[in-house]
Amino acid sequence: QVQLVESGGGLVQPGGSLRLSCAASGSIVSRNAMGWYRQAPGEQRELVASISSGGNTNYADSVKDRFAIARENAKNTVYLQMNRLKPEDTAVYYCNIRTYWTVDIWRDYWGQGTQVTVSS
């Protein structure tokens, strides 16, 4: 089993910054991707950013050039640095790890979610 523990959510003013962190523990295979998803009220959960164990990153267009994802592979920890936050960024943010046995066989694990509220 894999467990994810998130921290860093909270209330921030528009234009401010926030840093989320997530630590994974348990039976984690070397090949994996970690990422952050978010879900606003009445909306579908969407990918915000992800980073593979090899360091490849992907970002949603809405956060590109504002957010940065990074990881420490040895600690199975992922971070999301959020800058120039907008009210539209308000959502519950979920940490995710996708572990791969092969390129086509994988399993997802999820954190409990942390609330990010951007408001003046």
C-alpha atoms as a PDB file:
ATOM      1  CA  GLN A   1       0.000   0.000   0.000  1.00  0.00           C
ATOM      2  CA  VAL A   2       0.960   3.604  -0.592  1.00  0.00           C
ATOM      3  CA  GLN A   3       0.029   6.551   1.585  1.00  0.00           C
ATOM      4  CA  LEU A   4       0.242  10.233   0.680  1.00  0.00           C
ATOM      5  CA  VAL A   5       0.410  13.023   3.244  1.00  0.00           C
ATOM      6  CA  GLU A   6      -0.215  16.566   2.045  1.00  0.00           C
ATOM      7  CA  SER A   7       0.380  19.929   3.648  1.00  0.00           C
ATOM      8  CA  GLY A   8       0.574  23.604   2.781  1.00  0.00           C
ATOM      9  CA  GLY A   9      -2.951  24.603   1.865  1.00  0.00           C
ATOM     10  CA  GLY A  10      -4.612  27.699   3.197  1.00  0.00           C
ATOM     11  CA  LEU A  11      -5.945  31.153   2.461  1.00  0.00           C
ATOM     12  CA  VAL A  12      -3.955  33.579   0.340  1.00  0.00           C
ATOM     13  CA  GLN A  13      -4.677  36.890  -1.355  1.00  0.00           C
ATOM     14  CA  PRO A  14      -4.705  37.242  -5.133  1.00  0.00           C
ATOM     15  CA  GLY A  15      -1.183  37.650  -6.387  1.00  0.00           C
ATOM     16  CA  GLY A  16       0.229  35.781  -3.430  1.00  0.00           C
ATOM     17  CA  SER A  17       2.110  32.521  -3.222  1.00  0.00           C
ATOM     18  CA  LEU A  18       1.655  29.169  -1.567  1.00  0.00           C
ATOM     19  CA  ARG A  19       3.724  26.003  -1.482  1.00  0.00           C
ATOM     20  CA  LEU A  20       2.175  22.558  -1.225  1.00  0.00           C
ATOM     21  CA  SER A  21       4.071  19.447  -0.283  1.00  0.00           C
ATOM     22  CA  CYS A  22       3.245  15.768  -0.409  1.00  0.00           C
ATOM     23  CA  ALA A  23       5.210  12.828   0.923  1.00  0.00           C
ATOM     24  CA  ALA A  24       4.539   9.303  -0.283  1.00  0.00           C
ATOM     25  CA  SER A  25       5.347   6.219   1.731  1.00  0.00           C
ATOM     26  CA  GLY A  26       4.862   2.498   1.387  1.00  0.00           C
ATOM     27  CA  SER A  27       5.536   0.132  -1.485  1.00  0.00           C
ATOM     28  CA  ILE A  28       6.599   2.582  -4.179  1.00  0.00           C
ATOM     29  CA  VAL A  29       8.191   1.350  -7.376  1.00  0.00           C
ATOM     30  CA  SER A  30      11.006   3.278  -8.971  1.00  0.00           C
ATOM     31  CA  ARG A  31       9.083   4.183 -12.098  1.00  0.00           C
ATOM     32  CA  ASN A  32       6.325   6.583 -11.195  1.00  0.00           C
ATOM     33  CA  ALA A  33       4.850  10.005 -11.684  1.00  0.00           C
ATOM     34  CA  MET A  34       3.674  12.356  -8.976  1.00  0.00           C
ATOM     35  CA  GLY A  35       1.319  15.211  -9.505  1.00  0.00           C
ATOM     36  CA  TRP A  36      -1.255  17.606  -8.227  1.00  0.00           C
ATOM     37  CA  TYR A  37      -4.894  17.672  -9.205  1.00  0.00           C
ATOM     38  CA  ARG A  38      -7.532  20.130  -8.121  1.00  0.00           C
ATOM     39  CA  GLN A  39     -11.282  20.189  -7.927  1.00  0.00           C
ATOM     40  CA  ALA A  40     -13.374  23.306  -7.523  1.00  0.00           C
ATOM     41  CA  PRO A  41     -17.007  23.150  -6.374  1.00  0.00           C
ATOM     42  CA  GLY A  42     -19.202  21.868  -9.169  1.00  0.00           C
ATOM     43  CA  GLU A  43     -16.212  21.137 -11.376  1.00  0.00           C
ATOM     44  CA  GLN A  44     -14.406  18.018 -12.467  1.00  0.00           C
ATOM     45  CA  ARG A  45     -11.066  17.123 -11.015  1.00  0.00           C
ATOM     46  CA  GLU A  46      -8.297  18.344 -13.294  1.00  0.00           C
ATOM     47  CA  LEU A  47      -4.580  17.837 -13.559  1.00  0.00           C
ATOM     48  CA  VAL A  48      -2.591  20.858 -12.434  1.00  0.00           C
ATOM     49  CA  ALA A  49       0.943  19.587 -12.836  1.00  0.00           C
ATOM     50  CA  SER A  50       2.849  16.333 -12.831  1.00  0.00           C
ATOM     51  CA  ILE A  51       6.440  15.219 -12.737  1.00  0.00           C
ATOM     52  CA  SER A  52       7.860  11.815 -13.540  1.00  0.00           C
ATOM     53  CA  SER A  53      10.602  10.022 -11.664  1.00  0.00           C
ATOM     54  CA  GLY A  54      12.808  11.023 -14.597  1.00  0.00           C
ATOM     55  CA  GLY A  55      12.032  14.710 -14.139  1.00  0.00           C
ATOM     56  CA  ASN A  56       9.676  15.312 -17.038  1.00  0.00           C
ATOM     57  CA  THR A  57       6.949  17.826 -16.213  1.00  0.00           C
ATOM     58  CA  ASN A  58       3.528  18.755 -17.503  1.00  0.00           C
ATOM     59  CA  TYR A  59       1.368  21.726 -16.582  1.00  0.00           C
ATOM     60  CA  ALA A  60      -2.170  22.778 -17.214  1.00  0.00           C
ATOM     61  CA  ASP A  61      -2.325  25.789 -19.505  1.00  0.00           C
ATOM     62  CA  SER A  62      -4.062  27.795 -16.798  1.00  0.00           C
ATOM     63  CA  VAL A  63      -1.084  27.536 -14.441  1.00  0.00           C
ATOM     64  CA  LYS A  64       1.813  27.490 -16.857  1.00  0.00           C
ATOM     65  CA  ASP A  65       4.432  30.130 -15.942  1.00  0.00           C
ATOM     66  CA  ARG A  66       2.848  30.614 -12.521  1.00  0.00           C
ATOM     67  CA  PHE A  67       3.223  27.226 -10.850  1.00  0.00           C
ATOM     68  CA  ALA A  68       6.270  25.013 -10.566  1.00  0.00           C
ATOM     69  CA  ILE A  69       6.411  21.361  -9.617  1.00  0.00           C
ATOM     70  CA  ALA A  70       9.464  19.656  -8.202  1.00  0.00           C
ATOM     71  CA  ARG A  71      10.307  16.413  -6.462  1.00  0.00           C
ATOM     72  CA  GLU A  72      12.875  14.713  -4.319  1.00  0.00           C
ATOM     73  CA  ASN A  73      13.012  11.180  -5.630  1.00  0.00           C
ATOM     74  CA  ALA A  74      14.935   9.752  -2.705  1.00  0.00           C
ATOM     75  CA  LYS A  75      12.200  10.911  -0.338  1.00  0.00           C
ATOM     76  CA  ASN A  76       9.245  10.339  -2.669  1.00  0.00           C
ATOM     77  CA  THR A  77       8.169  13.893  -2.028  1.00  0.00           C
ATOM     78  CA  VAL A  78       6.598  16.314  -4.464  1.00  0.00           C
ATOM     79  CA  TYR A  79       6.123  20.063  -4.149  1.00  0.00           C
ATOM     80  CA  LEU A  80       3.930  22.557  -5.903  1.00  0.00           C
ATOM     81  CA  GLN A  81       5.058  26.161  -5.771  1.00  0.00           C
ATOM     82  CA  MET A  82       2.119  28.380  -6.651  1.00  0.00           C
ATOM     83  CA  ASN A  83       2.821  32.000  -7.533  1.00  0.00           C
ATOM     84  CA  ARG A  84       0.666  34.889  -8.697  1.00  0.00           C
ATOM     85  CA  LEU A  85      -2.392  33.085  -7.445  1.00  0.00           C
ATOM     86  CA  LYS A  86      -5.794  33.951  -8.831  1.00  0.00           C
ATOM     87  CA  PRO A  87      -9.285  33.435  -7.417  1.00  0.00           C
ATOM     88  CA  GLU A  88      -9.804  30.836 -10.145  1.00  0.00           C
ATOM     89  CA  ASP A  89      -7.130  28.719  -8.460  1.00  0.00           C
ATOM     90  CA  THR A  90      -9.414  28.161  -5.490  1.00  0.00           C
ATOM     91  CA  ALA A  91     -10.004  24.428  -5.143  1.00  0.00           C
ATOM     92  CA  VAL A  92      -9.199  21.345  -3.164  1.00  0.00           C
ATOM     93  CA  TYR A  93      -5.777  20.167  -4.269  1.00  0.00           C
ATOM     94  CA  TYR A  94      -5.030  16.458  -4.290  1.00  0.00           C
ATOM     95  CA  CYS A  95      -1.659  14.806  -4.423  1.00  0.00           C
ATOM     96  CA  ASN A  96      -1.348  11.798  -6.693  1.00  0.00           C
ATOM     97  CA  ILE A  97       1.226   9.161  -7.420  1.00  0.00           C
ATOM     98  CA  ARG A  98       0.961   6.810 -10.364  1.00  0.00           C
ATOM     99  CA  THR A  99       3.154   3.744 -10.038  1.00  0.00           C
ATOM    100  CA  TYR A 100       4.064   1.767 -13.133  1.00  0.00           C
ATOM    101  CA  TRP A 101       4.831  -1.908 -13.476  1.00  0.00           C
ATOM    102  CA  THR A 102       4.918  -1.522 -17.252  1.00  0.00           C
ATOM    103  CA  VAL A 103       4.151   1.431 -19.487  1.00  0.00           C
ATOM    104  CA  ASP A 104       0.546   0.232 -19.713  1.00  0.00           C
ATOM    105  CA  ILE A 105       0.020  -1.245 -16.253  1.00  0.00           C
ATOM    106  CA  TRP A 106      -0.162   1.263 -13.448  1.00  0.00           C
ATOM    107  CA  ARG A 107      -1.990   2.156 -10.252  1.00  0.00           C
ATOM    108  CA  ASP A 108      -3.021   5.495  -8.744  1.00  0.00           C
ATOM    109  CA  TYR A 109      -2.933   6.558  -5.121  1.00  0.00           C
ATOM    110  CA  TRP A 110      -4.434   9.755  -3.756  1.00  0.00           C
ATOM    111  CA  GLY A 111      -3.941  12.093  -0.869  1.00  0.00           C
ATOM    112  CA  GLN A 112      -6.771  13.379   1.265  1.00  0.00           C
ATOM    113  CA  GLY A 113      -6.801  16.821  -0.339  1.00  0.00           C
ATOM    114  CA  THR A 114      -5.919  20.248   0.969  1.00  0.00           C
ATOM    115  CA  GLN A 115      -7.993  23.391   0.523  1.00  0.00           C
ATOM    116  CA  VAL A 116      -6.489  26.359  -1.294  1.00  0.00           C
ATOM    117  CA  THR A 117      -8.533  29.542  -1.191  1.00  0.00           C
ATOM    118  CA  VAL A 118      -7.493  32.660  -3.093  1.00  0.00           C
ATOM    119  CA  SER A 119      -9.519  35.645  -1.984  1.00  0.00           C
ATOM    120  CA  SER A 120      -9.098  39.257  -0.951  1.00  0.00           C
END
